[in-house]
Amino acid sequence: KRLIAYSSIAHMGFVTLGTFMFTQQAMEGALFGMISHGFVAAALFLC
């Protein structure tokens, strides 16, 4: 659980990075990454 928790922090770093690039691609990538991480991290904790 601690490993997946730290993994979540690292992946959310991508989200904050993309958010502050002020481009359509990076910002949509950050938002899409939030959704994807919601599925993947949730599933790993369920495992």
All heavy atoms as atom14 arrays in JSON, in Angstrom:
{
  "sequence": "KRLIAYSSIAHMGFVTLGTFMFTQQAMEGALFGMISHGFVAAALFLC",
  "atom14_mask": [
    [1, 1, 1, 1, 1, 1, 1, 1, 1, 0, 0, 0, 0, 0],
    [1, 1, 1, 1, 1, 1, 1, 1, 1, 1, 1, 0, 0, 0],
    [1, 1, 1, 1, 1, 1, 1, 1, 0, 0, 0, 0, 0, 0],
    [1, 1, 1, 1, 1, 1, 1, 1, 0, 0, 0, 0, 0, 0],
    [1, 1, 1, 1, 1, 0, 0, 0, 0, 0, 0, 0, 0, 0],
    [1, 1, 1, 1, 1, 1, 1, 1, 1, 1, 1, 1, 0, 0],
    [1, 1, 1, 1, 1, 1, 0, 0, 0, 0, 0, 0, 0, 0],
    [1, 1, 1, 1, 1, 1, 0, 0, 0, 0, 0, 0, 0, 0],
    [1, 1, 1, 1, 1, 1, 1, 1, 0, 0, 0, 0, 0, 0],
    [1, 1, 1, 1, 1, 0, 0, 0, 0, 0, 0, 0, 0, 0],
    [1, 1, 1, 1, 1, 1, 1, 1, 1, 1, 0, 0, 0, 0],
    [1, 1, 1, 1, 1, 1, 1, 1, 0, 0, 0, 0, 0, 0],
    [1, 1, 1, 1, 0, 0, 0, 0, 0, 0, 0, 0, 0, 0],
    [1, 1, 1, 1, 1, 1, 1, 1, 1, 1, 1, 0, 0, 0],
    [1, 1, 1, 1, 1, 1, 1, 0, 0, 0, 0, 0, 0, 0],
    [1, 1, 1, 1, 1, 1, 1, 0, 0, 0, 0, 0, 0, 0],
    [1, 1, 1, 1, 1, 1, 1, 1, 0, 0, 0, 0, 0, 0],
    [1, 1, 1, 1, 0, 0, 0, 0, 0, 0, 0, 0, 0, 0],
    [1, 1, 1, 1, 1, 1, 1, 0, 0, 0, 0, 0, 0, 0],
    [1, 1, 1, 1, 1, 1, 1, 1, 1, 1, 1, 0, 0, 0],
    [1, 1, 1, 1, 1, 1, 1, 1, 0, 0, 0, 0, 0, 0],
    [1, 1, 1, 1, 1, 1, 1, 1, 1, 1, 1, 0, 0, 0],
    [1, 1, 1, 1, 1, 1, 1, 0, 0, 0, 0, 0, 0, 0],
    [1, 1, 1, 1, 1, 1, 1, 1, 1, 0, 0, 0, 0, 0],
    [1, 1, 1, 1, 1, 1, 1, 1, 1, 0, 0, 0, 0, 0],
    [1, 1, 1, 1, 1, 0, 0, 0, 0, 0, 0, 0, 0, 0],
    [1, 1, 1, 1, 1, 1, 1, 1, 0, 0, 0, 0, 0, 0],
    [1, 1, 1, 1, 1, 1, 1, 1, 1, 0, 0, 0, 0, 0],
    [1, 1, 1, 1, 0, 0, 0, 0, 0, 0, 0, 0, 0, 0],
    [1, 1, 1, 1, 1, 0, 0, 0, 0, 0, 0, 0, 0, 0],
    [1, 1, 1, 1, 1, 1, 1, 1, 0, 0, 0, 0, 0, 0],
    [1, 1, 1, 1, 1, 1, 1, 1, 1, 1, 1, 0, 0, 0],
    [1, 1, 1, 1, 0, 0, 0, 0, 0, 0, 0, 0, 0, 0],
    [1, 1, 1, 1, 1, 1, 1, 1, 0, 0, 0, 0, 0, 0],
    [1, 1, 1, 1, 1, 1, 1, 1, 0, 0, 0, 0, 0, 0],
    [1, 1, 1, 1, 1, 1, 0, 0, 0, 0, 0, 0, 0, 0],
    [1, 1, 1, 1, 1, 1, 1, 1, 1, 1, 0, 0, 0, 0],
    [1, 1, 1, 1, 0, 0, 0, 0, 0, 0, 0, 0, 0, 0],
    [1, 1, 1, 1, 1, 1, 1, 1, 1, 1, 1, 0, 0, 0],
    [1, 1, 1, 1, 1, 1, 1, 0, 0, 0, 0, 0, 0, 0],
    [1, 1, 1, 1, 1, 0, 0, 0, 0, 0, 0, 0, 0, 0],
    [1, 1, 1, 1, 1, 0, 0, 0, 0, 0, 0, 0, 0, 0],
    [1, 1, 1, 1, 1, 0, 0, 0, 0, 0, 0, 0, 0, 0],
    [1, 1, 1, 1, 1, 1, 1, 1, 0, 0, 0, 0, 0, 0],
    [1, 1, 1, 1, 1, 1, 1, 1, 1, 1, 1, 0, 0, 0],
    [1, 1, 1, 1, 1, 1, 1, 1, 0, 0, 0, 0, 0, 0],
    [1, 1, 1, 1, 1, 1, 0, 0, 0, 0, 0, 0, 0, 0]
  ],
  "atom14_positions": [
    [[0.82, -1.21, 0.0], [0.0, 0.0, 0.0], [0.85, 1.26, 0.0], [0.54, 2.24, -0.68], [-0.94, 0.0, 1.21], [-2.3, -0.62, 0.94], [-3.28, -0.22, 2.03], [-4.7, -0.59, 1.66], [-5.66, -0.12, 2.67], [0.0, 0.0, 0.0], [0.0, 0.0, 0.0], [0.0, 0.0, 0.0], [0.0, 0.0, 0.0], [0.0, 0.0, 0.0]],
    [[1.94, 1.25, 0.76], [2.82, 2.42, 0.78], [3.47, 2.61, -0.58], [3.64, 3.74, -1.05], [3.88, 2.29, 1.88], [3.32, 2.35, 3.28], [4.43, 2.36, 4.32], [5.05, 3.67, 4.42], [4.63, 4.66, 5.18], [3.53, 4.52, 5.92], [5.27, 5.81, 5.23], [0.0, 0.0, 0.0], [0.0, 0.0, 0.0], [0.0, 0.0, 0.0]],
    [[3.83, 1.52, -1.23], [4.45, 1.61, -2.56], [3.48, 2.26, -3.54], [3.85, 3.17, -4.3], [4.87, 0.22, -3.04], [5.69, 0.16, -4.34], [6.65, -1.02, -4.29], [4.8, 0.02, -5.57], [0.0, 0.0, 0.0], [0.0, 0.0, 0.0], [0.0, 0.0, 0.0], [0.0, 0.0, 0.0], [0.0, 0.0, 0.0], [0.0, 0.0, 0.0]],
    [[2.22, 1.81, -3.53], [1.24, 2.37, -4.46], [0.91, 3.81, -4.09], [0.65, 4.65, -4.96], [-0.04, 1.49, -4.47], [0.31, 0.07, -4.9], [-1.08, 2.07, -5.42], [-0.8, -0.94, -4.65], [0.0, 0.0, 0.0], [0.0, 0.0, 0.0], [0.0, 0.0, 0.0], [0.0, 0.0, 0.0], [0.0, 0.0, 0.0], [0.0, 0.0, 0.0]],
    [[0.94, 4.13, -2.79], [0.69, 5.51, -2.36], [1.77, 6.45, -2.9], [1.46, 7.53, -3.43], [0.65, 5.57, -0.83], [0.0, 0.0, 0.0], [0.0, 0.0, 0.0], [0.0, 0.0, 0.0], [0.0, 0.0, 0.0], [0.0, 0.0, 0.0], [0.0, 0.0, 0.0], [0.0, 0.0, 0.0], [0.0, 0.0, 0.0], [0.0, 0.0, 0.0]],
    [[3.03, 6.06, -2.78], [4.11, 6.9, -3.32], [4.03, 6.96, -4.84], [4.33, 8.0, -5.45], [5.47, 6.36, -2.87], [5.82, 6.75, -1.45], [5.9, 5.8, -0.44], [6.08, 8.07, -1.12], [6.22, 6.15, 0.87], [6.4, 8.44, 0.18], [6.47, 7.48, 1.16], [6.78, 7.84, 2.46], [0.0, 0.0, 0.0], [0.0, 0.0, 0.0]],
    [[3.63, 5.86, -5.47], [3.43, 5.86, -6.92], [2.38, 6.89, -7.32], [2.54, 7.59, -8.32], [3.02, 4.45, -7.38], [2.6, 4.47, -8.72], [0.0, 0.0, 0.0], [0.0, 0.0, 0.0], [0.0, 0.0, 0.0], [0.0, 0.0, 0.0], [0.0, 0.0, 0.0], [0.0, 0.0, 0.0], [0.0, 0.0, 0.0], [0.0, 0.0, 0.0]],
    [[1.33, 7.01, -6.52], [0.27, 7.99, -6.81], [0.81, 9.42, -6.76], [0.46, 10.25, -7.6], [-0.88, 7.84, -5.8], [-1.5, 6.59, -5.92], [0.0, 0.0, 0.0], [0.0, 0.0, 0.0], [0.0, 0.0, 0.0], [0.0, 0.0, 0.0], [0.0, 0.0, 0.0], [0.0, 0.0, 0.0], [0.0, 0.0, 0.0], [0.0, 0.0, 0.0]],
    [[1.66, 9.69, -5.78], [2.24, 11.04, -5.67], [3.08, 11.35, -6.9], [3.02, 12.46, -7.45], [3.11, 11.14, -4.39], [2.26, 10.9, -3.14], [3.78, 12.51, -4.3], [3.06, 10.68, -1.86], [0.0, 0.0, 0.0], [0.0, 0.0, 0.0], [0.0, 0.0, 0.0], [0.0, 0.0, 0.0], [0.0, 0.0, 0.0], [0.0, 0.0, 0.0]],
    [[3.86, 10.36, -7.36], [4.7, 10.57, -8.54], [3.84, 10.8, -9.79], [4.14, 11.69, -10.6], [5.61, 9.35, -8.75], [0.0, 0.0, 0.0], [0.0, 0.0, 0.0], [0.0, 0.0, 0.0], [0.0, 0.0, 0.0], [0.0, 0.0, 0.0], [0.0, 0.0, 0.0], [0.0, 0.0, 0.0], [0.0, 0.0, 0.0], [0.0, 0.0, 0.0]],
    [[2.78, 10.03, -9.95], [1.93, 10.2, -11.12], [1.16, 11.52, -11.08], [0.92, 12.13, -12.13], [0.96, 9.02, -11.24], [1.61, 7.78, -11.77], [1.93, 6.71, -10.97], [2.01, 7.44, -13.01], [2.51, 5.76, -11.7], [2.56, 6.19, -12.94], [0.0, 0.0, 0.0], [0.0, 0.0, 0.0], [0.0, 0.0, 0.0], [0.0, 0.0, 0.0]],
    [[0.8, 11.97, -9.88], [0.13, 13.26, -9.78], [1.08, 14.41, -10.09], [0.66, 15.52, -10.43], [-0.5, 13.43, -8.4], [-1.7, 12.53, -8.14], [-3.03, 12.7, -9.34], [-3.64, 14.34, -8.93], [0.0, 0.0, 0.0], [0.0, 0.0, 0.0], [0.0, 0.0, 0.0], [0.0, 0.0, 0.0], [0.0, 0.0, 0.0], [0.0, 0.0, 0.0]],
    [[2.4, 14.16, -9.96], [3.38, 15.15, -10.39], [3.26, 15.46, -11.87], [3.45, 16.61, -12.31], [0.0, 0.0, 0.0], [0.0, 0.0, 0.0], [0.0, 0.0, 0.0], [0.0, 0.0, 0.0], [0.0, 0.0, 0.0], [0.0, 0.0, 0.0], [0.0, 0.0, 0.0], [0.0, 0.0, 0.0], [0.0, 0.0, 0.0], [0.0, 0.0, 0.0]],
    [[2.94, 14.45, -12.67], [2.68, 14.66, -14.09], [1.48, 15.57, -14.3], [1.46, 16.42, -15.2], [2.41, 13.31, -14.78], [3.6, 12.74, -15.5], [4.4, 11.8, -14.89], [3.92, 13.16, -16.77], [5.5, 11.29, -15.54], [5.02, 12.65, -17.44], [5.82, 11.71, -16.82], [0.0, 0.0, 0.0], [0.0, 0.0, 0.0], [0.0, 0.0, 0.0]],
    [[0.46, 15.39, -13.47], [-0.76, 16.18, -13.6], [-0.48, 17.66, -13.33], [-0.89, 18.54, -14.1], [-1.85, 15.64, -12.65], [-3.06, 16.57, -12.62], [-2.27, 14.23, -13.06], [0.0, 0.0, 0.0], [0.0, 0.0, 0.0], [0.0, 0.0, 0.0], [0.0, 0.0, 0.0], [0.0, 0.0, 0.0], [0.0, 0.0, 0.0], [0.0, 0.0, 0.0]],
    [[0.22, 17.95, -12.24], [0.51, 19.36, -11.92], [1.47, 19.97, -12.94], [1.35, 21.16, -13.27], [1.11, 19.49, -10.5], [2.21, 18.58, -10.35], [0.06, 19.16, -9.45], [0.0, 0.0, 0.0], [0.0, 0.0, 0.0], [0.0, 0.0, 0.0], [0.0, 0.0, 0.0], [0.0, 0.0, 0.0], [0.0, 0.0, 0.0], [0.0, 0.0, 0.0]],
    [[2.39, 19.16, -13.47], [3.31, 19.66, -14.5], [2.53, 20.06, -15.75], [2.72, 21.16, -16.29], [4.35, 18.58, -14.84], [5.36, 18.94, -15.95], [6.24, 20.11, -15.51], [6.21, 17.72, -16.3], [0.0, 0.0, 0.0], [0.0, 0.0, 0.0], [0.0, 0.0, 0.0], [0.0, 0.0, 0.0], [0.0, 0.0, 0.0], [0.0, 0.0, 0.0]],
    [[1.65, 19.18, -16.22], [0.87, 19.47, -17.42], [-0.07, 20.64, -17.23], [-0.3, 21.44, -18.16], [0.0, 0.0, 0.0], [0.0, 0.0, 0.0], [0.0, 0.0, 0.0], [0.0, 0.0, 0.0], [0.0, 0.0, 0.0], [0.0, 0.0, 0.0], [0.0, 0.0, 0.0], [0.0, 0.0, 0.0], [0.0, 0.0, 0.0], [0.0, 0.0, 0.0]],
    [[-0.6, 20.79, -16.03], [-1.55, 21.87, -15.75], [-0.92, 23.24, -15.94], [-1.56, 24.17, -16.44], [-2.08, 21.74, -14.31], [-2.75, 20.49, -14.16], [-3.05, 22.86, -13.97], [0.0, 0.0, 0.0], [0.0, 0.0, 0.0], [0.0, 0.0, 0.0], [0.0, 0.0, 0.0], [0.0, 0.0, 0.0], [0.0, 0.0, 0.0], [0.0, 0.0, 0.0]],
    [[0.35, 23.38, -15.57], [1.0, 24.7, -15.6], [1.85, 24.92, -16.85], [2.69, 25.81, -16.88], [1.83, 24.91, -14.33], [0.99, 25.32, -13.15], [0.3, 24.37, -12.42], [0.86, 26.64, -12.8], [-0.5, 24.73, -11.35], [0.07, 27.02, -11.73], [-0.61, 26.07, -11.0], [0.0, 0.0, 0.0], [0.0, 0.0, 0.0], [0.0, 0.0, 0.0]],
    [[1.63, 24.11, -17.9], [2.27, 24.37, -19.19], [1.42, 25.26, -20.1], [1.87, 25.73, -21.13], [2.57, 23.04, -19.91], [3.75, 22.29, -19.34], [5.32, 23.19, -19.48], [5.63, 23.61, -17.78], [0.0, 0.0, 0.0], [0.0, 0.0, 0.0], [0.0, 0.0, 0.0], [0.0, 0.0, 0.0], [0.0, 0.0, 0.0], [0.0, 0.0, 0.0]],
    [[0.14, 25.46, -19.75], [-0.76, 26.36, -20.45], [-0.93, 26.01, -21.93], [-1.12, 26.89, -22.77], [-0.28, 27.82, -20.33], [-0.29, 28.34, -18.92], [0.85, 28.3, -18.14], [-1.44, 28.85, -18.38], [0.84, 28.77, -16.84], [-1.47, 29.33, -17.07], [-0.32, 29.29, -16.3], [0.0, 0.0, 0.0], [0.0, 0.0, 0.0], [0.0, 0.0, 0.0]],
    [[-0.83, 24.73, -22.28], [-1.11, 24.3, -23.66], [-2.28, 23.34, -23.64], [-2.51, 22.63, -22.65], [0.1, 23.6, -24.3], [0.46, 22.47, -23.51], [1.28, 24.52, -24.44], [0.0, 0.0, 0.0], [0.0, 0.0, 0.0], [0.0, 0.0, 0.0], [0.0, 0.0, 0.0], [0.0, 0.0, 0.0], [0.0, 0.0, 0.0], [0.0, 0.0, 0.0]],
    [[-3.0, 23.3, -24.76], [-4.16, 22.41, -24.88], [-3.76, 20.96, -24.63], [-4.42, 20.23, -23.89], [-4.75, 22.57, -26.29], [-6.05, 21.83, -26.51], [-7.27, 22.66, -26.11], [-7.17, 23.87, -25.98], [-8.4, 22.02, -25.92], [0.0, 0.0, 0.0], [0.0, 0.0, 0.0], [0.0, 0.0, 0.0], [0.0, 0.0, 0.0], [0.0, 0.0, 0.0]],
    [[-2.65, 20.55, -25.25], [-2.23, 19.16, -25.15], [-1.85, 18.78, -23.72], [-2.27, 17.75, -23.2], [-1.04, 18.92, -26.08], [-1.16, 17.66, -26.89], [-0.2, 17.66, -28.06], [0.64, 18.54, -28.19], [-0.32, 16.68, -28.92], [0.0, 0.0, 0.0], [0.0, 0.0, 0.0], [0.0, 0.0, 0.0], [0.0, 0.0, 0.0], [0.0, 0.0, 0.0]],
    [[-1.02, 19.62, -23.09], [-0.54, 19.3, -21.74], [-1.69, 19.32, -20.74], [-1.78, 18.45, -19.86], [0.55, 20.28, -21.33], [0.0, 0.0, 0.0], [0.0, 0.0, 0.0], [0.0, 0.0, 0.0], [0.0, 0.0, 0.0], [0.0, 0.0, 0.0], [0.0, 0.0, 0.0], [0.0, 0.0, 0.0], [0.0, 0.0, 0.0], [0.0, 0.0, 0.0]],
    [[-2.58, 20.31, -20.86], [-3.67, 20.42, -19.9], [-4.69, 19.29, -20.06], [-5.16, 18.72, -19.07], [-4.35, 21.78, -20.05], [-4.76, 22.41, -18.73], [-5.34, 24.1, -18.92], [-3.83, 25.01, -18.6], [0.0, 0.0, 0.0], [0.0, 0.0, 0.0], [0.0, 0.0, 0.0], [0.0, 0.0, 0.0], [0.0, 0.0, 0.0], [0.0, 0.0, 0.0]],
    [[-5.0, 18.93, -21.31], [-5.89, 17.8, -21.54], [-5.22, 16.5, -21.1], [-5.87, 15.6, -20.58], [-6.3, 17.72, -23.01], [-7.3, 18.79, -23.41], [-7.73, 18.66, -24.86], [-7.43, 17.61, -25.49], [-8.38, 19.6, -25.37], [0.0, 0.0, 0.0], [0.0, 0.0, 0.0], [0.0, 0.0, 0.0], [0.0, 0.0, 0.0], [0.0, 0.0, 0.0]],
    [[-3.9, 16.41, -21.3], [-3.16, 15.23, -20.84], [-3.2, 15.12, -19.32], [-3.34, 14.01, -18.77], [0.0, 0.0, 0.0], [0.0, 0.0, 0.0], [0.0, 0.0, 0.0], [0.0, 0.0, 0.0], [0.0, 0.0, 0.0], [0.0, 0.0, 0.0], [0.0, 0.0, 0.0], [0.0, 0.0, 0.0], [0.0, 0.0, 0.0], [0.0, 0.0, 0.0]],
    [[-3.08, 16.27, -18.64], [-3.16, 16.26, -17.17], [-4.53, 15.8, -16.7], [-4.65, 14.97, -15.78], [-2.86, 17.66, -16.63], [0.0, 0.0, 0.0], [0.0, 0.0, 0.0], [0.0, 0.0, 0.0], [0.0, 0.0, 0.0], [0.0, 0.0, 0.0], [0.0, 0.0, 0.0], [0.0, 0.0, 0.0], [0.0, 0.0, 0.0], [0.0, 0.0, 0.0]],
    [[-5.58, 16.31, -17.33], [-6.95, 15.93, -16.95], [-7.21, 14.46, -17.28], [-7.8, 13.72, -16.48], [-7.94, 16.83, -17.68], [-9.4, 16.79, -17.25], [-9.53, 17.01, -15.74], [-10.2, 17.84, -18.0], [0.0, 0.0, 0.0], [0.0, 0.0, 0.0], [0.0, 0.0, 0.0], [0.0, 0.0, 0.0], [0.0, 0.0, 0.0], [0.0, 0.0, 0.0]],
    [[-6.75, 14.02, -18.45], [-6.91, 12.62, -18.83], [-6.11, 11.72, -17.89], [-6.56, 10.63, -17.51], [-6.45, 12.41, -20.28], [-6.89, 11.12, -20.89], [-8.1, 11.04, -21.57], [-6.12, 9.97, -20.79], [-8.53, 9.85, -22.13], [-6.54, 8.78, -21.34], [-7.75, 8.72, -22.02], [0.0, 0.0, 0.0], [0.0, 0.0, 0.0], [0.0, 0.0, 0.0]],
    [[-4.92, 12.2, -17.49], [-4.1, 11.44, -16.53], [-4.78, 11.31, -15.18], [-4.66, 10.28, -14.51], [0.0, 0.0, 0.0], [0.0, 0.0, 0.0], [0.0, 0.0, 0.0], [0.0, 0.0, 0.0], [0.0, 0.0, 0.0], [0.0, 0.0, 0.0], [0.0, 0.0, 0.0], [0.0, 0.0, 0.0], [0.0, 0.0, 0.0], [0.0, 0.0, 0.0]],
    [[-5.53, 12.35, -14.76], [-6.28, 12.27, -13.51], [-7.32, 11.15, -13.58], [-7.46, 10.35, -12.64], [-6.99, 13.6, -13.23], [-6.07, 14.72, -12.81], [-6.81, 16.35, -13.02], [-8.25, 16.23, -11.96], [0.0, 0.0, 0.0], [0.0, 0.0, 0.0], [0.0, 0.0, 0.0], [0.0, 0.0, 0.0], [0.0, 0.0, 0.0], [0.0, 0.0, 0.0]],
    [[-8.03, 11.07, -14.69], [-9.06, 10.04, -14.85], [-8.42, 8.66, -14.89], [-8.86, 7.73, -14.2], [-9.87, 10.3, -16.13], [-10.53, 11.67, -16.06], [-10.92, 9.22, -16.35], [-10.92, 12.22, -17.4], [0.0, 0.0, 0.0], [0.0, 0.0, 0.0], [0.0, 0.0, 0.0], [0.0, 0.0, 0.0], [0.0, 0.0, 0.0], [0.0, 0.0, 0.0]],
    [[-7.38, 8.53, -15.69], [-6.7, 7.23, -15.82], [-6.12, 6.77, -14.49], [-6.26, 5.61, -14.1], [-5.59, 7.34, -16.87], [-4.81, 6.18, -16.87], [0.0, 0.0, 0.0], [0.0, 0.0, 0.0], [0.0, 0.0, 0.0], [0.0, 0.0, 0.0], [0.0, 0.0, 0.0], [0.0, 0.0, 0.0], [0.0, 0.0, 0.0], [0.0, 0.0, 0.0]],
    [[-5.48, 7.7, -13.78], [-4.91, 7.33, -12.48], [-6.0, 6.93, -11.5], [-5.79, 6.05, -10.66], [-4.11, 8.51, -11.91], [-3.51, 8.21, -10.58], [-4.1, 8.6, -9.39], [-2.39, 7.53, -10.23], [-3.37, 8.19, -8.38], [-2.32, 7.54, -8.86], [0.0, 0.0, 0.0], [0.0, 0.0, 0.0], [0.0, 0.0, 0.0], [0.0, 0.0, 0.0]],
    [[-7.18, 7.55, -11.63], [-8.3, 7.16, -10.78], [-8.65, 5.69, -10.97], [-8.88, 4.96, -10.0], [0.0, 0.0, 0.0], [0.0, 0.0, 0.0], [0.0, 0.0, 0.0], [0.0, 0.0, 0.0], [0.0, 0.0, 0.0], [0.0, 0.0, 0.0], [0.0, 0.0, 0.0], [0.0, 0.0, 0.0], [0.0, 0.0, 0.0], [0.0, 0.0, 0.0]],
    [[-8.65, 5.23, -12.21], [-8.95, 3.82, -12.48], [-7.82, 2.9, -12.02], [-8.04, 1.9, -11.34], [-9.18, 3.6, -13.98], [-10.35, 4.36, -14.55], [-10.29, 4.91, -15.82], [-11.51, 4.55, -13.81], [-11.36, 5.61, -16.35], [-12.59, 5.26, -14.33], [-12.51, 5.78, -15.6], [0.0, 0.0, 0.0], [0.0, 0.0, 0.0], [0.0, 0.0, 0.0]],
    [[-6.58, 3.25, -12.4], [-5.45, 2.34, -12.19], [-5.1, 2.24, -10.71], [-4.93, 1.13, -10.17], [-4.23, 2.81, -13.02], [-3.01, 1.94, -12.71], [-4.55, 2.76, -14.51], [0.0, 0.0, 0.0], [0.0, 0.0, 0.0], [0.0, 0.0, 0.0], [0.0, 0.0, 0.0], [0.0, 0.0, 0.0], [0.0, 0.0, 0.0], [0.0, 0.0, 0.0]],
    [[-4.96, 3.38, -10.02], [-4.6, 3.35, -8.6], [-5.7, 2.67, -7.78], [-5.41, 1.88, -6.87], [-4.36, 4.77, -8.09], [0.0, 0.0, 0.0], [0.0, 0.0, 0.0], [0.0, 0.0, 0.0], [0.0, 0.0, 0.0], [0.0, 0.0, 0.0], [0.0, 0.0, 0.0], [0.0, 0.0, 0.0], [0.0, 0.0, 0.0], [0.0, 0.0, 0.0]],
    [[-6.96, 2.97, -8.11], [-8.07, 2.32, -7.42], [-8.0, 0.81, -7.59], [-8.17, 0.05, -6.62], [-9.4, 2.85, -7.94], [0.0, 0.0, 0.0], [0.0, 0.0, 0.0], [0.0, 0.0, 0.0], [0.0, 0.0, 0.0], [0.0, 0.0, 0.0], [0.0, 0.0, 0.0], [0.0, 0.0, 0.0], [0.0, 0.0, 0.0], [0.0, 0.0, 0.0]],
    [[-7.72, 0.35, -8.81], [-7.64, -1.08, -9.08], [-6.48, -1.74, -8.34], [-6.6, -2.86, -7.83], [-7.52, -1.32, -10.58], [0.0, 0.0, 0.0], [0.0, 0.0, 0.0], [0.0, 0.0, 0.0], [0.0, 0.0, 0.0], [0.0, 0.0, 0.0], [0.0, 0.0, 0.0], [0.0, 0.0, 0.0], [0.0, 0.0, 0.0], [0.0, 0.0, 0.0]],
    [[-5.34, -1.05, -8.27], [-4.18, -1.63, -7.56], [-4.47, -1.77, -6.07], [-4.09, -2.77, -5.44], [-2.94, -0.76, -7.79], [-2.3, -0.87, -9.19], [-1.19, 0.16, -9.35], [-1.76, -2.28, -9.43], [0.0, 0.0, 0.0], [0.0, 0.0, 0.0], [0.0, 0.0, 0.0], [0.0, 0.0, 0.0], [0.0, 0.0, 0.0], [0.0, 0.0, 0.0]],
    [[-5.14, -0.77, -5.49], [-5.52, -0.9, -4.08], [-6.54, -2.02, -3.87], [-6.52, -2.71, -2.85], [-6.05, 0.43, -3.54], [-4.96, 1.4, -3.18], [-4.81, 2.58, -3.89], [-4.08, 1.13, -2.14], [-3.79, 3.47, -3.57], [-3.06, 2.02, -1.82], [-2.92, 3.19, -2.53], [0.0, 0.0, 0.0], [0.0, 0.0, 0.0], [0.0, 0.0, 0.0]],
    [[-7.43, -2.21, -4.83], [-8.37, -3.32, -4.75], [-7.63, -4.66, -4.82], [-8.0, -5.61, -4.13], [-9.4, -3.23, -5.88], [-10.46, -2.13, -5.75], [-11.24, -1.98, -7.05], [-11.4, -2.41, -4.59], [0.0, 0.0, 0.0], [0.0, 0.0, 0.0], [0.0, 0.0, 0.0], [0.0, 0.0, 0.0], [0.0, 0.0, 0.0], [0.0, 0.0, 0.0]],
    [[-6.59, -4.72, -5.65], [-5.78, -5.95, -5.74], [-5.11, -6.26, -4.4], [-5.11, -7.42, -3.95], [-4.7, -5.8, -6.83], [-5.33, -5.84, -8.52], [0.0, 0.0, 0.0], [0.0, 0.0, 0.0], [0.0, 0.0, 0.0], [0.0, 0.0, 0.0], [0.0, 0.0, 0.0], [0.0, 0.0, 0.0], [0.0, 0.0, 0.0], [0.0, 0.0, 0.0]]
  ]
}
